[in-house]
PDB file of N, CA and C in Angstrom:
ATOM      1  N   UNK A   1     121.558 -68.030  93.911  1.00  0.00           N
ATOM      2  CA  UNK A   1     120.251 -68.662  93.962  1.00  0.00           C
ATOM      3  C   UNK A   1     119.387 -68.132  92.810  1.00  0.00           C
ATOM      4  N   UNK A   2     118.683 -69.019  92.170  1.00  0.00           N
ATOM      5  CA  UNK A   2     117.877 -68.679  91.000  1.00  0.00           C
ATOM      6  C   UNK A   2     116.566 -68.013  91.415  1.00  0.00           C
ATOM      7  N   UNK A   3     116.205 -66.948  90.702  1.00  0.00           N
ATOM      8  CA  UNK A   3     114.965 -66.244  90.989  1.00  0.00           C
ATOM      9  C   UNK A   3     113.820 -66.966  90.286  1.00  0.00           C
ATOM     10  N   UNK A   4     113.074 -67.777  91.034  1.00  0.00           N
ATOM     11  CA  UNK A   4     112.032 -68.610  90.431  1.00  0.00           C
ATOM     12  C   UNK A   4     110.825 -67.798  89.975  1.00  0.00           C
ATOM     13  N   UNK A   5     110.542 -66.673  90.620  1.00  0.00           N
ATOM     14  CA  UNK A   5     109.392 -65.876  90.182  1.00  0.00           C
ATOM     15  C   UNK A   5     109.664 -65.251  88.818  1.00  0.00           C
ATOM     16  N   UNK A   6     110.912 -64.816  88.576  1.00  0.00           N
ATOM     17  CA  UNK A   6     111.281 -64.277  87.269  1.00  0.00           C
ATOM     18  C   UNK A   6     111.188 -65.360  86.216  1.00  0.00           C
ATOM     19  N   UNK A   7     111.702 -66.552  86.517  1.00  0.00           N
ATOM     20  CA  UNK A   7     111.684 -67.661  85.568  1.00  0.00           C
ATOM     21  C   UNK A   7     110.253 -68.074  85.250  1.00  0.00           C
ATOM     22  N   UNK A   8     109.415 -68.201  86.263  1.00  0.00           N
ATOM     23  CA  UNK A   8     108.031 -68.598  86.008  1.00  0.00           C
ATOM     24  C   UNK A   8     107.288 -67.503  85.242  1.00  0.00           C
ATOM     25  N   UNK A   9     107.619 -66.238  85.506  1.00  0.00           N
ATOM     26  CA  UNK A   9     106.995 -65.137  84.786  1.00  0.00           C
ATOM     27  C   UNK A   9     107.385 -65.175  83.307  1.00  0.00           C
ATOM     28  N   UNK A  10     108.654 -65.438  83.032  1.00  0.00           N
ATOM     29  CA  UNK A  10     109.119 -65.539  81.645  1.00  0.00           C
ATOM     30  C   UNK A  10     108.459 -66.716  80.939  1.00  0.00           C
ATOM     31  N   UNK A  11     108.338 -67.825  81.624  1.00  0.00           N
ATOM     32  CA  UNK A  11     107.682 -68.994  81.039  1.00  0.00           C
ATOM     33  C   UNK A  11     106.213 -68.680  80.755  1.00  0.00           C
ATOM     34  N   UNK A  12     105.565 -67.973  81.670  1.00  0.00           N
ATOM     35  CA  UNK A  12     104.164 -67.577  81.446  1.00  0.00           C
ATOM     36  C   UNK A  12     104.027 -66.725  80.195  1.00  0.00           C
ATOM     37  N   UNK A  13     104.956 -65.796  79.990  1.00  0.00           N
ATOM     38  CA  UNK A  13     104.921 -64.940  78.799  1.00  0.00           C
ATOM     39  C   UNK A  13     105.132 -65.787  77.552  1.00  0.00           C
ATOM     40  N   UNK A  14     106.101 -66.685  77.586  1.00  0.00           N
ATOM     41  CA  UNK A  14     106.402 -67.514  76.414  1.00  0.00           C
ATOM     42  C   UNK A  14     105.247 -68.448  76.063  1.00  0.00           C
ATOM     43  N   UNK A  15     104.525 -68.912  77.064  1.00  0.00           N
ATOM     44  CA  UNK A  15     103.455 -69.879  76.826  1.00  0.00           C
ATOM     45  C   UNK A  15     102.071 -69.245  76.696  1.00  0.00           C
ATOM     46  N   UNK A  16     101.998 -67.933  76.776  1.00  0.00           N
ATOM     47  CA  UNK A  16     100.716 -67.245  76.610  1.00  0.00           C
ATOM     48  C   UNK A  16     100.216 -67.494  75.186  1.00  0.00           C
ATOM     49  N   UNK A  17      98.987 -67.979  75.034  1.00  0.00           N
ATOM     50  CA  UNK A  17      98.473 -68.310  73.689  1.00  0.00           C
ATOM     51  C   UNK A  17      98.537 -67.146  72.701  1.00  0.00           C
ATOM     52  N   UNK A  18      98.274 -65.947  73.155  1.00  0.00           N
ATOM     53  CA  UNK A  18      98.333 -64.796  72.248  1.00  0.00           C
ATOM     54  C   UNK A  18      99.760 -64.575  71.772  1.00  0.00           C
ATOM     55  N   UNK A  19     100.717 -64.674  72.684  1.00  0.00           N
ATOM     56  CA  UNK A  19     102.114 -64.524  72.294  1.00  0.00           C
ATOM     57  C   UNK A  19     102.519 -65.608  71.311  1.00  0.00           C
ATOM     58  N   UNK A  20     102.087 -66.827  71.557  1.00  0.00           N
ATOM     59  CA  UNK A  20     102.417 -67.939  70.661  1.00  0.00           C
ATOM     60  C   UNK A  20     101.888 -67.660  69.261  1.00  0.00           C
ATOM     61  N   UNK A  21     100.663 -67.183  69.155  1.00  0.00           N
ATOM     62  CA  UNK A  21     100.065 -66.892  67.841  1.00  0.00           C
ATOM     63  C   UNK A  21     100.883 -65.826  67.108  1.00  0.00           C
ATOM     64  N   UNK A  22     101.203 -64.723  67.813  1.00  0.00           N
ATOM     65  CA  UNK A  22     101.962 -63.652  67.168  1.00  0.00           C
ATOM     66  C   UNK A  22     103.370 -64.108  66.792  1.00  0.00           C
ATOM     67  N   UNK A  23     104.004 -64.882  67.647  1.00  0.00           N
ATOM     68  CA  UNK A  23     105.362 -65.368  67.349  1.00  0.00           C
ATOM     69  C   UNK A  23     105.336 -66.310  66.149  1.00  0.00           C
ATOM     70  N   UNK A  24     104.339 -67.168  66.072  1.00  0.00           N
ATOM     71  CA  UNK A  24     104.234 -68.070  64.915  1.00  0.00           C
ATOM     72  C   UNK A  24     104.068 -67.262  63.632  1.00  0.00           C
ATOM     73  N   UNK A  25     103.209 -66.265  63.648  1.00  0.00           N
ATOM     74  CA  UNK A  25     103.009 -65.423  62.463  1.00  0.00           C
ATOM     75  C   UNK A  25     104.312 -64.721  62.083  1.00  0.00           C
ATOM     76  N   UNK A  26     105.001 -64.171  63.080  1.00  0.00           N
ATOM     77  CA  UNK A  26     106.272 -63.481  62.818  1.00  0.00           C
ATOM     78  C   UNK A  26     107.294 -64.442  62.230  1.00  0.00           C
ATOM     79  N   UNK A  27     107.404 -65.638  62.800  1.00  0.00           N
ATOM     80  CA  UNK A  27     108.381 -66.599  62.288  1.00  0.00           C
ATOM     81  C   UNK A  27     108.013 -67.105  60.891  1.00  0.00           C
ATOM     82  N   UNK A  28     106.734 -67.268  60.608  1.00  0.00           N
ATOM     83  CA  UNK A  28     106.317 -67.661  59.258  1.00  0.00           C
ATOM     84  C   UNK A  28     106.715 -66.575  58.258  1.00  0.00           C
ATOM     85  N   UNK A  29     106.418 -65.321  58.582  1.00  0.00           N
ATOM     86  CA  UNK A  29     106.811 -64.221  57.696  1.00  0.00           C
ATOM     87  C   UNK A  29     108.338 -64.158  57.550  1.00  0.00           C
ATOM     88  N   UNK A  30     109.045 -64.375  58.649  1.00  0.00           N
ATOM     89  CA  UNK A  30     110.507 -64.378  58.593  1.00  0.00           C
ATOM     90  C   UNK A  30     111.035 -65.495  57.720  1.00  0.00           C
ATOM     91  N   UNK A  31     110.438 -66.664  57.806  1.00  0.00           N
ATOM     92  CA  UNK A  31     110.849 -67.800  56.985  1.00  0.00           C
ATOM     93  C   UNK A  31     110.589 -67.514  55.505  1.00  0.00           C
ATOM     94  N   UNK A  32     109.416 -66.942  55.210  1.00  0.00           N
ATOM     95  CA  UNK A  32     109.097 -66.600  53.819  1.00  0.00           C
ATOM     96  C   UNK A  32     110.093 -65.562  53.294  1.00  0.00           C
ATOM     97  N   UNK A  33     110.396 -64.549  54.108  1.00  0.00           N
ATOM     98  CA  UNK A  33     111.382 -63.529  53.722  1.00  0.00           C
ATOM     99  C   UNK A  33     112.722 -64.183  53.436  1.00  0.00           C
ATOM    100  N   UNK A  34     113.147 -65.054  54.317  1.00  0.00           N
ATOM    101  CA  UNK A  34     114.455 -65.712  54.189  1.00  0.00           C
ATOM    102  C   UNK A  34     114.516 -66.604  52.955  1.00  0.00           C
ATOM    103  N   UNK A  35     113.495 -67.403  52.745  1.00  0.00           N
ATOM    104  CA  UNK A  35     113.515 -68.382  51.650  1.00  0.00           C
ATOM    105  C   UNK A  35     113.260 -67.762  50.278  1.00  0.00           C
ATOM    106  N   UNK A  36     112.404 -66.756  50.208  1.00  0.00           N
ATOM    107  CA  UNK A  36     112.029 -66.221  48.899  1.00  0.00           C
ATOM    108  C   UNK A  36     112.778 -64.945  48.533  1.00  0.00           C
ATOM    109  N   UNK A  37     113.370 -64.294  49.516  1.00  0.00           N
ATOM    110  CA  UNK A  37     114.036 -63.019  49.252  1.00  0.00           C
ATOM    111  C   UNK A  37     113.070 -61.854  49.182  1.00  0.00           C
ATOM    112  N   UNK A  38     111.778 -62.122  49.397  1.00  0.00           N
ATOM    113  CA  UNK A  38     110.803 -61.033  49.441  1.00  0.00           C
ATOM    114  C   UNK A  38     111.055 -60.232  50.701  1.00  0.00           C
ATOM    115  N   UNK A  39     110.903 -58.936  50.608  1.00  0.00           N
ATOM    116  CA  UNK A  39     111.164 -58.067  51.751  1.00  0.00           C
ATOM    117  C   UNK A  39     109.902 -57.944  52.596  1.00  0.00           C
ATOM    118  N   UNK A  40     109.835 -58.739  53.659  1.00  0.00           N
ATOM    119  CA  UNK A  40     108.667 -58.737  54.537  1.00  0.00           C
ATOM    120  C   UNK A  40     108.997 -58.158  55.913  1.00  0.00           C
ATOM    121  N   UNK A  41     110.139 -57.490  56.008  1.00  0.00           N
ATOM    122  CA  UNK A  41     110.573 -56.974  57.305  1.00  0.00           C
ATOM    123  C   UNK A  41     109.594 -55.947  57.888  1.00  0.00           C
ATOM    124  N   UNK A  42     109.044 -55.098  57.061  1.00  0.00           N
ATOM    125  CA  UNK A  42     108.094 -54.109  57.594  1.00  0.00           C
ATOM    126  C   UNK A  42     106.810 -54.802  58.062  1.00  0.00           C
ATOM    127  N   UNK A  43     106.395 -55.870  57.379  1.00  0.00           N
ATOM    128  CA  UNK A  43     105.218 -56.610  57.818  1.00  0.00           C
ATOM    129  C   UNK A  43     105.505 -57.331  59.140  1.00  0.00           C
ATOM    130  N   UNK A  44     106.734 -57.820  59.295  1.00  0.00           N
ATOM    131  CA  UNK A  44     107.117 -58.494  60.534  1.00  0.00           C
ATOM    132  C   UNK A  44     107.050 -57.515  61.706  1.00  0.00           C
ATOM    133  N   UNK A  45     107.610 -56.328  61.517  1.00  0.00           N
ATOM    134  CA  UNK A  45     107.555 -55.306  62.569  1.00  0.00           C
ATOM    135  C   UNK A  45     106.106 -54.908  62.827  1.00  0.00           C
ATOM    136  N   UNK A  46     105.315 -54.791  61.768  1.00  0.00           N
ATOM    137  CA  UNK A  46     103.901 -54.419  61.926  1.00  0.00           C
ATOM    138  C   UNK A  46     103.136 -55.451  62.748  1.00  0.00           C
ATOM    139  N   UNK A  47     103.410 -56.727  62.540  1.00  0.00           N
ATOM    140  CA  UNK A  47     102.749 -57.766  63.338  1.00  0.00           C
ATOM    141  C   UNK A  47     103.170 -57.636  64.800  1.00  0.00           C
ATOM    142  N   UNK A  48     104.450 -57.337  65.051  1.00  0.00           N
ATOM    143  CA  UNK A  48     104.907 -57.114  66.418  1.00  0.00           C
ATOM    144  C   UNK A  48     104.215 -55.922  67.060  1.00  0.00           C
ATOM    145  N   UNK A  49     104.065 -54.849  66.304  1.00  0.00           N
ATOM    146  CA  UNK A  49     103.384 -53.654  66.827  1.00  0.00           C
ATOM    147  C   UNK A  49     101.895 -53.947  67.047  1.00  0.00           C
ATOM    148  N   UNK A  50     101.291 -54.703  66.145  1.00  0.00           N
ATOM    149  CA  UNK A  50      99.898 -55.105  66.343  1.00  0.00           C
ATOM    150  C   UNK A  50      99.773 -55.887  67.652  1.00  0.00           C
ATOM    151  N   UNK A  51     100.737 -56.771  67.918  1.00  0.00           N
ATOM    152  CA  UNK A  51     100.745 -57.491  69.194  1.00  0.00           C
ATOM    153  C   UNK A  51     100.845 -56.542  70.372  1.00  0.00           C
ATOM    154  N   UNK A  52     101.574 -55.454  70.195  1.00  0.00           N
ATOM    155  CA  UNK A  52     101.675 -54.443  71.250  1.00  0.00           C
ATOM    156  C   UNK A  52     100.304 -53.861  71.556  1.00  0.00           C
ATOM    157  N   UNK A  53      99.583 -53.462  70.522  1.00  0.00           N
ATOM    158  CA  UNK A  53      98.258 -52.887  70.734  1.00  0.00           C
ATOM    159  C   UNK A  53      97.279 -53.912  71.302  1.00  0.00           C
ATOM    160  N   UNK A  54      97.367 -55.150  70.841  1.00  0.00           N
ATOM    161  CA  UNK A  54      96.501 -56.200  71.379  1.00  0.00           C
ATOM    162  C   UNK A  54      96.795 -56.404  72.863  1.00  0.00           C
ATOM    163  N   UNK A  55      98.077 -56.448  73.224  1.00  0.00           N
ATOM    164  CA  UNK A  55      98.448 -56.629  74.627  1.00  0.00           C
ATOM    165  C   UNK A  55      97.957 -55.493  75.504  1.00  0.00           C
ATOM    166  N   UNK A  56      98.113 -54.264  75.031  1.00  0.00           N
ATOM    167  CA  UNK A  56      97.622 -53.120  75.797  1.00  0.00           C
ATOM    168  C   UNK A  56      96.099 -53.179  75.917  1.00  0.00           C
ATOM    169  N   UNK A  57      95.436 -53.522  74.825  1.00  0.00           N
ATOM    170  CA  UNK A  57      93.977 -53.652  74.835  1.00  0.00           C
ATOM    171  C   UNK A  57      93.530 -54.693  75.857  1.00  0.00           C
ATOM    172  N   UNK A  58      94.201 -55.844  75.857  1.00  0.00           N
ATOM    173  CA  UNK A  58      93.863 -56.912  76.810  1.00  0.00           C
ATOM    174  C   UNK A  58      94.047 -56.417  78.243  1.00  0.00           C
ATOM    175  N   UNK A  59      95.163 -55.739  78.484  1.00  0.00           N
ATOM    176  CA  UNK A  59      95.423 -55.222  79.824  1.00  0.00           C
ATOM    177  C   UNK A  59      94.386 -54.210  80.278  1.00  0.00           C
ATOM    178  N   UNK A  60      93.916 -53.405  79.357  1.00  0.00           N
ATOM    179  CA  UNK A  60      92.938 -52.368  79.721  1.00  0.00           C
ATOM    180  C   UNK A  60      91.530 -52.917  79.934  1.00  0.00           C
ATOM    181  N   UNK A  61      91.240 -54.095  79.404  1.00  0.00           N
ATOM    182  CA  UNK A  61      89.887 -54.656  79.544  1.00  0.00           C
ATOM    183  C   UNK A  61      89.516 -54.903  80.994  1.00  0.00           C
ATOM    184  N   UNK A  62      90.494 -55.301  81.796  1.00  0.00           N
ATOM    185  CA  UNK A  62      90.201 -55.604  83.203  1.00  0.00           C
ATOM    186  C   UNK A  62      90.534 -54.432  84.121  1.00  0.00           C
ATOM    187  N   UNK A  63      90.966 -53.319  83.530  1.00  0.00           N
ATOM    188  CA  UNK A  63      91.358 -52.175  84.355  1.00  0.00           C
ATOM    189  C   UNK A  63      90.134 -51.486  84.932  1.00  0.00           C
ATOM    190  N   UNK A  64      90.194 -51.237  86.236  1.00  0.00           N
ATOM    191  CA  UNK A  64      89.117 -50.540  86.919  1.00  0.00           C
ATOM    192  C   UNK A  64      89.708 -49.288  87.553  1.00  0.00           C
ATOM    193  N   UNK A  65      89.427 -48.101  87.001  1.00  0.00           N
ATOM    194  CA  UNK A  65      90.013 -46.883  87.542  1.00  0.00           C
ATOM    195  C   UNK A  65      89.614 -46.604  88.992  1.00  0.00           C
ATOM    196  N   UNK A  66      88.537 -47.230  89.445  1.00  0.00           N
ATOM    197  CA  UNK A  66      88.115 -47.044  90.838  1.00  0.00           C
ATOM    198  C   UNK A  66      88.856 -47.973  91.792  1.00  0.00           C
ATOM    199  N   UNK A  67      89.568 -48.948  91.229  1.00  0.00           N
ATOM    200  CA  UNK A  67      90.344 -49.893  92.041  1.00  0.00           C
ATOM    201  C   UNK A  67      91.698 -50.105  91.373  1.00  0.00           C
ATOM    202  N   UNK A  68      92.460 -49.046  91.304  1.00  0.00           N
ATOM    203  CA  UNK A  68      93.733 -49.067  90.586  1.00  0.00           C
ATOM    204  C   UNK A  68      94.683 -50.101  91.165  1.00  0.00           C
ATOM    205  N   UNK A  69      94.749 -50.191  92.468  1.00  0.00           N
ATOM    206  CA  UNK A  69      95.687 -51.114  93.108  1.00  0.00           C
ATOM    207  C   UNK A  69      95.480 -52.548  92.640  1.00  0.00           C
ATOM    208  N   UNK A  70      94.248 -52.996  92.593  1.00  0.00           N
ATOM    209  CA  UNK A  70      93.972 -54.367  92.170  1.00  0.00           C
ATOM    210  C   UNK A  70      93.953 -54.519  90.647  1.00  0.00           C
ATOM    211  N   UNK A  71      93.951 -53.438  89.922  1.00  0.00           N
ATOM    212  CA  UNK A  71      93.931 -53.495  88.458  1.00  0.00           C
ATOM    213  C   UNK A  71      95.329 -53.506  87.845  1.00  0.00           C
ATOM    214  N   UNK A  72      96.324 -53.134  88.608  1.00  0.00           N
ATOM    215  CA  UNK A  72      97.684 -53.020  88.071  1.00  0.00           C
ATOM    216  C   UNK A  72      98.179 -54.357  87.528  1.00  0.00           C
ATOM    217  N   UNK A  73      97.891 -55.444  88.220  1.00  0.00           N
ATOM    218  CA  UNK A  73      98.352 -56.760  87.768  1.00  0.00           C
ATOM    219  C   UNK A  73      97.820 -57.093  86.374  1.00  0.00           C
ATOM    220  N   UNK A  74      96.544 -56.795  86.129  1.00  0.00           N
ATOM    221  CA  UNK A  74      95.947 -57.087  84.820  1.00  0.00           C
ATOM    222  C   UNK A  74      96.602 -56.268  83.710  1.00  0.00           C
ATOM    223  N   UNK A  75      96.912 -55.029  83.993  1.00  0.00           N
ATOM    224  CA  UNK A  75      97.584 -54.196  82.995  1.00  0.00           C
ATOM    225  C   UNK A  75      98.979 -54.736  82.710  1.00  0.00           C
ATOM    226  N   UNK A  76      99.684 -55.149  83.751  1.00  0.00           N
ATOM    227  CA  UNK A  76     101.040 -55.672  83.564  1.00  0.00           C
ATOM    228  C   UNK A  76     101.050 -56.950  82.744  1.00  0.00           C
ATOM    229  N   UNK A  77     100.051 -57.796  82.908  1.00  0.00           N
ATOM    230  CA  UNK A  77      99.950 -59.008  82.095  1.00  0.00           C
ATOM    231  C   UNK A  77      99.802 -58.626  80.620  1.00  0.00           C
ATOM    232  N   UNK A  78      98.958 -57.653  80.333  1.00  0.00           N
ATOM    233  CA  UNK A  78      98.790 -57.190  78.956  1.00  0.00           C
ATOM    234  C   UNK A  78     100.050 -56.551  78.412  1.00  0.00           C
ATOM    235  N   UNK A  79     100.765 -55.812  79.254  1.00  0.00           N
ATOM    236  CA  UNK A  79     102.005 -55.169  78.808  1.00  0.00           C
ATOM    237  C   UNK A  79     103.100 -56.185  78.520  1.00  0.00           C
ATOM    238  N   UNK A  80     103.088 -57.308  79.219  1.00  0.00           N
ATOM    239  CA  UNK A  80     104.056 -58.370  78.927  1.00  0.00           C
ATOM    240  C   UNK A  80     103.862 -58.853  77.488  1.00  0.00           C
ATOM    241  N   UNK A  81     102.609 -59.067  77.113  1.00  0.00           N
ATOM    242  CA  UNK A  81     102.306 -59.456  75.735  1.00  0.00           C
ATOM    243  C   UNK A  81     102.728 -58.349  74.782  1.00  0.00           C
ATOM    244  N   UNK A  82     102.406 -57.125  75.139  1.00  0.00           N
ATOM    245  CA  UNK A  82     102.703 -55.990  74.274  1.00  0.00           C
ATOM    246  C   UNK A  82     104.189 -55.908  73.964  1.00  0.00           C
ATOM    247  N   UNK A  83     105.013 -55.910  74.975  1.00  0.00           N
ATOM    248  CA  UNK A  83     106.442 -55.743  74.750  1.00  0.00           C
ATOM    249  C   UNK A  83     107.073 -56.994  74.151  1.00  0.00           C
ATOM    250  N   UNK A  84     106.596 -58.165  74.539  1.00  0.00           N
ATOM    251  CA  UNK A  84     107.167 -59.396  74.006  1.00  0.00           C
ATOM    252  C   UNK A  84     106.989 -59.483  72.497  1.00  0.00           C
ATOM    253  N   UNK A  85     105.781 -59.202  72.009  1.00  0.00           N
ATOM    254  CA  UNK A  85     105.548 -59.314  70.568  1.00  0.00           C
ATOM    255  C   UNK A  85     106.367 -58.277  69.790  1.00  0.00           C
ATOM    256  N   UNK A  86     106.519 -57.085  70.340  1.00  0.00           N
ATOM    257  CA  UNK A  86     107.338 -56.070  69.675  1.00  0.00           C
ATOM    258  C   UNK A  86     108.805 -56.482  69.641  1.00  0.00           C
ATOM    259  N   UNK A  87     109.292 -57.011  70.741  1.00  0.00           N
ATOM    260  CA  UNK A  87     110.692 -57.453  70.794  1.00  0.00           C
ATOM    261  C   UNK A  87     110.940 -58.552  69.775  1.00  0.00           C
ATOM    262  N   UNK A  88     110.044 -59.520  69.695  1.00  0.00           N
ATOM    263  CA  UNK A  88     110.216 -60.616  68.732  1.00  0.00           C
ATOM    264  C   UNK A  88     110.161 -60.082  67.302  1.00  0.00           C
ATOM    265  N   UNK A  89     109.181 -59.249  67.001  1.00  0.00           N
ATOM    266  CA  UNK A  89     109.057 -58.704  65.647  1.00  0.00           C
ATOM    267  C   UNK A  89     110.271 -57.889  65.236  1.00  0.00           C
ATOM    268  N   UNK A  90     110.727 -57.006  66.108  1.00  0.00           N
ATOM    269  CA  UNK A  90     111.899 -56.186  65.783  1.00  0.00           C
ATOM    270  C   UNK A  90     113.165 -57.032  65.689  1.00  0.00           C
ATOM    271  N   UNK A  91     113.284 -58.037  66.544  1.00  0.00           N
ATOM    272  CA  UNK A  91     114.469 -58.899  66.517  1.00  0.00           C
ATOM    273  C   UNK A  91     114.545 -59.698  65.222  1.00  0.00           C
ATOM    274  N   UNK A  92     113.439 -60.295  64.829  1.00  0.00           N
ATOM    275  CA  UNK A  92     113.431 -61.080  63.589  1.00  0.00           C
ATOM    276  C   UNK A  92     113.718 -60.174  62.396  1.00  0.00           C
ATOM    277  N   UNK A  93     113.116 -59.008  62.360  1.00  0.00           N
ATOM    278  CA  UNK A  93     113.356 -58.064  61.276  1.00  0.00           C
ATOM    279  C   UNK A  93     114.817 -57.632  61.225  1.00  0.00           C
ATOM    280  N   UNK A  94     115.394 -57.360  62.375  1.00  0.00           N
ATOM    281  CA  UNK A  94     116.799 -56.941  62.430  1.00  0.00           C
ATOM    282  C   UNK A  94     117.720 -58.064  61.975  1.00  0.00           C
ATOM    283  N   UNK A  95     117.462 -59.268  62.419  1.00  0.00           N
ATOM    284  CA  UNK A  95     118.282 -60.416  62.001  1.00  0.00           C
ATOM    285  C   UNK A  95     118.210 -60.596  60.490  1.00  0.00           C
ATOM    286  N   UNK A  96     117.016 -60.486  59.928  1.00  0.00           N
ATOM    287  CA  UNK A  96     116.870 -60.620  58.474  1.00  0.00           C
ATOM    288  C   UNK A  96     117.588 -59.491  57.736  1.00  0.00           C
ATOM    289  N   UNK A  97     117.550 -58.286  58.279  1.00  0.00           N
ATOM    290  CA  UNK A  97     118.250 -57.154  57.654  1.00  0.00           C
ATOM    291  C   UNK A  97     119.753 -57.360  57.667  1.00  0.00           C
ATOM    292  N   UNK A  98     120.280 -57.826  58.777  1.00  0.00           N
ATOM    293  CA  UNK A  98     121.724 -58.091  58.883  1.00  0.00           C
ATOM    294  C   UNK A  98     122.116 -59.195  57.915  1.00  0.00           C
ATOM    295  N   UNK A  99     121.312 -60.257  57.854  1.00  0.00           N
ATOM    296  CA  UNK A  99     121.584 -61.360  56.926  1.00  0.00           C
ATOM    297  C   UNK A  99     121.591 -60.858  55.489  1.00  0.00           C
ATOM    298  N   UNK A 100     120.633 -60.028  55.143  1.00  0.00           N
ATOM    299  CA  UNK A 100     120.542 -59.493  53.786  1.00  0.00           C
ATOM    300  C   UNK A 100     121.744 -58.603  53.463  1.00  0.00           C
ATOM    301  N   UNK A 101     122.152 -57.784  54.411  1.00  0.00           N
ATOM    302  CA  UNK A 101     123.317 -56.913  54.215  1.00  0.00           C
ATOM    303  C   UNK A 101     124.588 -57.729  54.037  1.00  0.00           C
ATOM    304  N   UNK A 102     124.769 -58.748  54.865  1.00  0.00           N
ATOM    305  CA  UNK A 102     125.967 -59.598  54.743  1.00  0.00           C
ATOM    306  C   UNK A 102     125.973 -60.343  53.416  1.00  0.00           C
ATOM    307  N   UNK A 103     124.827 -60.872  53.009  1.00  0.00           N
ATOM    308  CA  UNK A 103     124.733 -61.581  51.739  1.00  0.00           C
ATOM    309  C   UNK A 103     125.050 -60.645  50.571  1.00  0.00           C
ATOM    310  N   UNK A 104     124.562 -59.424  50.646  1.00  0.00           N
ATOM    311  CA  UNK A 104     124.814 -58.436  49.602  1.00  0.00           C
ATOM    312  C   UNK A 104     126.291 -58.091  49.513  1.00  0.00           C
ATOM    313  N   UNK A 105     126.936 -57.923  50.667  1.00  0.00           N
ATOM    314  CA  UNK A 105     128.371 -57.626  50.688  1.00  0.00           C
ATOM    315  C   UNK A 105     129.193 -58.765  50.102  1.00  0.00           C
ATOM    316  N   UNK A 106     128.812 -59.992  50.439  1.00  0.00           N
ATOM    317  CA  UNK A 106     129.542 -61.157  49.917  1.00  0.00           C
ATOM    318  C   UNK A 106     129.369 -61.263  48.415  1.00  0.00           C
ATOM    319  N   UNK A 107     128.175 -61.009  47.919  1.00  0.00           N
ATOM    320  CA  UNK A 107     127.923 -61.085  46.477  1.00  0.00           C
ATOM    321  C   UNK A 107     128.664 -59.998  45.713  1.00  0.00           C
ATOM    322  N   UNK A 108     128.864 -58.828  46.336  1.00  0.00           N
ATOM    323  CA  UNK A 108     129.546 -57.713  45.666  1.00  0.00           C
ATOM    324  C   UNK A 108     131.055 -57.823  45.695  1.00  0.00           C
ATOM    325  N   UNK A 109     131.583 -58.707  46.511  1.00  0.00           N
ATOM    326  CA  UNK A 109     133.052 -58.845  46.587  1.00  0.00           C
ATOM    327  C   UNK A 109     133.579 -59.823  45.598  1.00  0.00           C
TER     328      UNK A 109
END
C-alpha cells in the first residue's frame, strides 16, 4: 500500500515556491556550466547552501520557544526547504563534475 502522506509531503516540497526558485537558479547555472564549459559548480553548491540558510530562517520565523510542541511543524517545513535545496545543488554539481571528468578522459584517450 502506498504511503500517501509521504507522497503528498514530497509533492509539497517540490511545489514550494521557494524551492522552485532555488531549483530554477541551480538548473540555469548548471545549463550555463554544461553549455559554455565555465566552471560554475561552486556557485551551484553555494546557491544550494543559500537555500539551506533561507529554509532554516523561514522555519525559525514561526518558532515560539514558549510553545515548542506547536512550533515543531513550522521548523520542519523550513528544514524541508533547507535540505531539498542543498541536495539539488550538490547533485547538479556532482553530475557536472562526473560529466567533465568523463569528457576529459575521452579527450585524453
